[in-house]
Amino acid sequence: MATIKIKQVKSRINCPKAQKRTLDALGLRKTGRVVEHEANPAILGMVEKVKHLVTVEL
């Protein structure tokens, strides 16, 4: 599968707890951090839940 880069661009302050846990599961703890994951349905679903906080590069 393809690898995607996910970058957190907005703060997690005042986000619901579920979104904070999703960011933790993706490995994003601070604004500006970039992580790489395989583009599988589970990861893409997590990105969809926090799409207002992150950007995705292919």
PDB file of N, CA and C in Angstrom:
ATOM      1  N   MET A   1       0.835  -1.189   0.000  1.00  0.00           N
ATOM      2  CA  MET A   1       0.000   0.000   0.000  1.00  0.00           C
ATOM      3  C   MET A   1       0.877   1.250   0.000  1.00  0.00           C
ATOM      4  N   ALA A   2       0.255   2.355  -0.351  1.00  0.00           N
ATOM      5  CA  ALA A   2       0.965   3.631  -0.398  1.00  0.00           C
ATOM      6  C   ALA A   2       1.184   4.169   1.014  1.00  0.00           C
ATOM      7  N   THR A   3       2.223   4.961   1.154  1.00  0.00           N
ATOM      8  CA  THR A   3       2.516   5.610   2.426  1.00  0.00           C
ATOM      9  C   THR A   3       2.038   7.054   2.357  1.00  0.00           C
ATOM     10  N   ILE A   4       1.403   7.528   3.429  1.00  0.00           N
ATOM     11  CA  ILE A   4       0.962   8.917   3.488  1.00  0.00           C
ATOM     12  C   ILE A   4       1.653   9.607   4.657  1.00  0.00           C
ATOM     13  N   LYS A   5       1.853  10.908   4.505  1.00  0.00           N
ATOM     14  CA  LYS A   5       2.412  11.726   5.577  1.00  0.00           C
ATOM     15  C   LYS A   5       1.279  12.551   6.161  1.00  0.00           C
ATOM     16  N   ILE A   6       1.148  12.525   7.457  1.00  0.00           N
ATOM     17  CA  ILE A   6       0.087  13.259   8.153  1.00  0.00           C
ATOM     18  C   ILE A   6       0.751  14.285   9.049  1.00  0.00           C
ATOM     19  N   LYS A   7       0.349  15.551   8.899  1.00  0.00           N
ATOM     20  CA  LYS A   7       0.930  16.638   9.687  1.00  0.00           C
ATOM     21  C   LYS A   7      -0.171  17.318  10.478  1.00  0.00           C
ATOM     22  N   GLN A   8       0.054  17.495  11.773  1.00  0.00           N
ATOM     23  CA  GLN A   8      -0.903  18.216  12.606  1.00  0.00           C
ATOM     24  C   GLN A   8      -0.664  19.709  12.424  1.00  0.00           C
ATOM     25  N   VAL A   9      -1.700  20.444  11.982  1.00  0.00           N
ATOM     26  CA  VAL A   9      -1.547  21.870  11.694  1.00  0.00           C
ATOM     27  C   VAL A   9      -2.328  22.756  12.655  1.00  0.00           C
ATOM     28  N   LYS A  10      -3.246  22.172  13.409  1.00  0.00           N
ATOM     29  CA  LYS A  10      -4.013  22.949  14.384  1.00  0.00           C
ATOM     30  C   LYS A  10      -3.923  22.299  15.755  1.00  0.00           C
ATOM     31  N   SER A  11      -4.156  23.099  16.771  1.00  0.00           N
ATOM     32  CA  SER A  11      -4.040  22.640  18.144  1.00  0.00           C
ATOM     33  C   SER A  11      -5.182  21.712  18.521  1.00  0.00           C
ATOM     34  N   ARG A  12      -4.897  20.835  19.463  1.00  0.00           N
ATOM     35  CA  ARG A  12      -5.916  19.907  19.969  1.00  0.00           C
ATOM     36  C   ARG A  12      -6.672  20.483  21.164  1.00  0.00           C
ATOM     37  N   ILE A  13      -6.337  21.701  21.577  1.00  0.00           N
ATOM     38  CA  ILE A  13      -7.009  22.335  22.711  1.00  0.00           C
ATOM     39  C   ILE A  13      -8.479  22.556  22.359  1.00  0.00           C
ATOM     40  N   ASN A  14      -9.359  22.267  23.287  1.00  0.00           N
ATOM     41  CA  ASN A  14     -10.814  22.393  23.156  1.00  0.00           C
ATOM     42  C   ASN A  14     -11.421  21.413  22.159  1.00  0.00           C
ATOM     43  N   CYS A  15     -10.705  20.366  21.781  1.00  0.00           N
ATOM     44  CA  CYS A  15     -11.264  19.308  20.940  1.00  0.00           C
ATOM     45  C   CYS A  15     -11.900  18.260  21.844  1.00  0.00           C
ATOM     46  N   PRO A  16     -12.902  17.550  21.333  1.00  0.00           N
ATOM     47  CA  PRO A  16     -13.481  16.460  22.123  1.00  0.00           C
ATOM     48  C   PRO A  16     -12.435  15.390  22.440  1.00  0.00           C
ATOM     49  N   LYS A  17     -12.666  14.682  23.518  1.00  0.00           N
ATOM     50  CA  LYS A  17     -11.715  13.670  23.984  1.00  0.00           C
ATOM     51  C   LYS A  17     -11.482  12.592  22.925  1.00  0.00           C
ATOM     52  N   ALA A  18     -12.512  12.239  22.177  1.00  0.00           N
ATOM     53  CA  ALA A  18     -12.368  11.213  21.139  1.00  0.00           C
ATOM     54  C   ALA A  18     -11.393  11.655  20.054  1.00  0.00           C
ATOM     55  N   GLN A  19     -11.410  12.930  19.704  1.00  0.00           N
ATOM     56  CA  GLN A  19     -10.482  13.434  18.693  1.00  0.00           C
ATOM     57  C   GLN A  19      -9.056  13.472  19.237  1.00  0.00           C
ATOM     58  N   LYS A  20      -8.893  13.793  20.500  1.00  0.00           N
ATOM     59  CA  LYS A  20      -7.563  13.778  21.107  1.00  0.00           C
ATOM     60  C   LYS A  20      -6.993  12.361  21.101  1.00  0.00           C
ATOM     61  N   ARG A  21      -7.840  11.371  21.404  1.00  0.00           N
ATOM     62  CA  ARG A  21      -7.387   9.982  21.383  1.00  0.00           C
ATOM     63  C   ARG A  21      -7.043   9.528  19.969  1.00  0.00           C
ATOM     64  N   THR A  22      -7.786  10.028  18.976  1.00  0.00           N
ATOM     65  CA  THR A  22      -7.481   9.695  17.587  1.00  0.00           C
ATOM     66  C   THR A  22      -6.127  10.255  17.185  1.00  0.00           C
ATOM     67  N   LEU A  23      -5.837  11.499  17.583  1.00  0.00           N
ATOM     68  CA  LEU A  23      -4.524  12.086  17.304  1.00  0.00           C
ATOM     69  C   LEU A  23      -3.420  11.288  17.989  1.00  0.00           C
ATOM     70  N   ASP A  24      -3.664  10.853  19.226  1.00  0.00           N
ATOM     71  CA  ASP A  24      -2.682  10.025  19.939  1.00  0.00           C
ATOM     72  C   ASP A  24      -2.440   8.711  19.196  1.00  0.00           C
ATOM     73  N   ALA A  25      -3.513   8.098  18.700  1.00  0.00           N
ATOM     74  CA  ALA A  25      -3.390   6.829  17.988  1.00  0.00           C
ATOM     75  C   ALA A  25      -2.609   6.999  16.686  1.00  0.00           C
ATOM     76  N   LEU A  26      -2.709   8.170  16.082  1.00  0.00           N
ATOM     77  CA  LEU A  26      -1.949   8.450  14.866  1.00  0.00           C
ATOM     78  C   LEU A  26      -0.494   8.794  15.176  1.00  0.00           C
ATOM     79  N   GLY A  27      -0.197   9.084  16.430  1.00  0.00           N
ATOM     80  CA  GLY A  27       1.167   9.428  16.819  1.00  0.00           C
ATOM     81  C   GLY A  27       1.439  10.914  16.785  1.00  0.00           C
ATOM     82  N   LEU A  28       0.379  11.726  16.768  1.00  0.00           N
ATOM     83  CA  LEU A  28       0.525  13.184  16.718  1.00  0.00           C
ATOM     84  C   LEU A  28       0.277  13.752  18.104  1.00  0.00           C
ATOM     85  N   ARG A  29       1.302  14.338  18.694  1.00  0.00           N
ATOM     86  CA  ARG A  29       1.177  14.867  20.044  1.00  0.00           C
ATOM     87  C   ARG A  29       1.303  16.380  20.090  1.00  0.00           C
ATOM     88  N   LYS A  30       2.010  16.981  19.130  1.00  0.00           N
ATOM     89  CA  LYS A  30       2.210  18.428  19.115  1.00  0.00           C
ATOM     90  C   LYS A  30       1.920  18.981  17.729  1.00  0.00           C
ATOM     91  N   THR A  31       1.532  20.233  17.667  1.00  0.00           N
ATOM     92  CA  THR A  31       1.307  20.904  16.398  1.00  0.00           C
ATOM     93  C   THR A  31       2.616  20.966  15.616  1.00  0.00           C
ATOM     94  N   GLY A  32       2.548  20.686  14.327  1.00  0.00           N
ATOM     95  CA  GLY A  32       3.729  20.732  13.478  1.00  0.00           C
ATOM     96  C   GLY A  32       4.415  19.398  13.286  1.00  0.00           C
ATOM     97  N   ARG A  33       4.013  18.384  14.036  1.00  0.00           N
ATOM     98  CA  ARG A  33       4.635  17.069  13.911  1.00  0.00           C
ATOM     99  C   ARG A  33       4.137  16.363  12.648  1.00  0.00           C
ATOM    100  N   VAL A  34       4.997  15.558  12.050  1.00  0.00           N
ATOM    101  CA  VAL A  34       4.665  14.780  10.857  1.00  0.00           C
ATOM    102  C   VAL A  34       4.931  13.309  11.147  1.00  0.00           C
ATOM    103  N   VAL A  35       3.973  12.459  10.777  1.00  0.00           N
ATOM    104  CA  VAL A  35       4.142  11.009  10.916  1.00  0.00           C
ATOM    105  C   VAL A  35       3.820  10.353   9.579  1.00  0.00           C
ATOM    106  N   GLU A  36       4.363   9.164   9.370  1.00  0.00           N
ATOM    107  CA  GLU A  36       4.092   8.400   8.155  1.00  0.00           C
ATOM    108  C   GLU A  36       3.355   7.126   8.532  1.00  0.00           C
ATOM    109  N   HIS A  37       2.305   6.837   7.759  1.00  0.00           N
ATOM    110  CA  HIS A  37       1.522   5.614   7.943  1.00  0.00           C
ATOM    111  C   HIS A  37       1.175   5.049   6.586  1.00  0.00           C
ATOM    112  N   GLU A  38       0.878   3.755   6.557  1.00  0.00           N
ATOM    113  CA  GLU A  38       0.354   3.163   5.335  1.00  0.00           C
ATOM    114  C   GLU A  38      -1.093   3.618   5.158  1.00  0.00           C
ATOM    115  N   ALA A  39      -1.500   3.788   3.923  1.00  0.00           N
ATOM    116  CA  ALA A  39      -2.843   4.282   3.625  1.00  0.00           C
ATOM    117  C   ALA A  39      -3.838   3.127   3.620  1.00  0.00           C
ATOM    118  N   ASN A  40      -4.109   2.565   4.788  1.00  0.00           N
ATOM    119  CA  ASN A  40      -5.106   1.501   4.884  1.00  0.00           C
ATOM    120  C   ASN A  40      -6.426   2.098   5.387  1.00  0.00           C
ATOM    121  N   PRO A  41      -7.525   1.371   5.298  1.00  0.00           N
ATOM    122  CA  PRO A  41      -8.831   1.927   5.679  1.00  0.00           C
ATOM    123  C   PRO A  41      -8.901   2.423   7.122  1.00  0.00           C
ATOM    124  N   ALA A  42      -8.207   1.770   8.041  1.00  0.00           N
ATOM    125  CA  ALA A  42      -8.241   2.190   9.445  1.00  0.00           C
ATOM    126  C   ALA A  42      -7.606   3.567   9.613  1.00  0.00           C
ATOM    127  N   ILE A  43      -6.446   3.771   9.020  1.00  0.00           N
ATOM    128  CA  ILE A  43      -5.742   5.050   9.126  1.00  0.00           C
ATOM    129  C   ILE A  43      -6.531   6.143   8.417  1.00  0.00           C
ATOM    130  N   LEU A  44      -7.054   5.852   7.236  1.00  0.00           N
ATOM    131  CA  LEU A  44      -7.828   6.851   6.499  1.00  0.00           C
ATOM    132  C   LEU A  44      -9.099   7.244   7.250  1.00  0.00           C
ATOM    133  N   GLY A  45      -9.688   6.312   7.973  1.00  0.00           N
ATOM    134  CA  GLY A  45     -10.849   6.630   8.795  1.00  0.00           C
ATOM    135  C   GLY A  45     -10.497   7.545   9.952  1.00  0.00           C
ATOM    136  N   MET A  46      -9.326   7.309  10.564  1.00  0.00           N
ATOM    137  CA  MET A  46      -8.882   8.188  11.653  1.00  0.00           C
ATOM    138  C   MET A  46      -8.597   9.587  11.131  1.00  0.00           C
ATOM    139  N   VAL A  47      -7.974   9.670   9.962  1.00  0.00           N
ATOM    140  CA  VAL A  47      -7.680  10.979   9.370  1.00  0.00           C
ATOM    141  C   VAL A  47      -8.980  11.720   9.072  1.00  0.00           C
ATOM    142  N   GLU A  48      -9.987  11.014   8.619  1.00  0.00           N
ATOM    143  CA  GLU A  48     -11.283  11.642   8.316  1.00  0.00           C
ATOM    144  C   GLU A  48     -11.913  12.258   9.565  1.00  0.00           C
ATOM    145  N   LYS A  49     -11.720  11.627  10.718  1.00  0.00           N
ATOM    146  CA  LYS A  49     -12.297  12.151  11.961  1.00  0.00           C
ATOM    147  C   LYS A  49     -11.632  13.433  12.432  1.00  0.00           C
ATOM    148  N   VAL A  50     -10.363  13.620  12.083  1.00  0.00           N
ATOM    149  CA  VAL A  50      -9.634  14.815  12.535  1.00  0.00           C
ATOM    150  C   VAL A  50      -9.138  15.641  11.346  1.00  0.00           C
ATOM    151  N   LYS A  51      -9.855  15.595  10.235  1.00  0.00           N
ATOM    152  CA  LYS A  51      -9.394  16.261   9.016  1.00  0.00           C
ATOM    153  C   LYS A  51      -9.278  17.773   9.166  1.00  0.00           C
ATOM    154  N   HIS A  52      -9.979  18.367  10.148  1.00  0.00           N
ATOM    155  CA  HIS A  52      -9.883  19.805  10.377  1.00  0.00           C
ATOM    156  C   HIS A  52      -8.635  20.179  11.154  1.00  0.00           C
ATOM    157  N   LEU A  53      -7.912  19.188  11.688  1.00  0.00           N
ATOM    158  CA  LEU A  53      -6.704  19.439  12.477  1.00  0.00           C
ATOM    159  C   LEU A  53      -5.424  19.038  11.756  1.00  0.00           C
ATOM    160  N   VAL A  54      -5.538  18.289  10.654  1.00  0.00           N
ATOM    161  CA  VAL A  54      -4.358  17.741   9.990  1.00  0.00           C
ATOM    162  C   VAL A  54      -4.373  18.026   8.488  1.00  0.00           C
ATOM    163  N   THR A  55      -3.196  17.875   7.882  1.00  0.00           N
ATOM    164  CA  THR A  55      -3.085  17.847   6.422  1.00  0.00           C
ATOM    165  C   THR A  55      -2.438  16.535   6.031  1.00  0.00           C
ATOM    166  N   VAL A  56      -2.744  16.070   4.809  1.00  0.00           N
ATOM    167  CA  VAL A  56      -2.249  14.775   4.351  1.00  0.00           C
ATOM    168  C   VAL A  56      -1.514  14.971   3.030  1.00  0.00           C
ATOM    169  N   GLU A  57      -0.324  14.361   2.928  1.00  0.00           N
ATOM    170  CA  GLU A  57       0.450  14.341   1.693  1.00  0.00           C
ATOM    171  C   GLU A  57       0.608  12.894   1.270  1.00  0.00           C
ATOM    172  N   LEU A  58       0.548  12.653  -0.011  1.00  0.00           N
ATOM    173  CA  LEU A  58       0.732  11.290  -0.519  1.00  0.00           C
ATOM    174  C   LEU A  58       2.167  10.980  -0.769  1.00  0.00           C
TER     175      LEU A  58
END
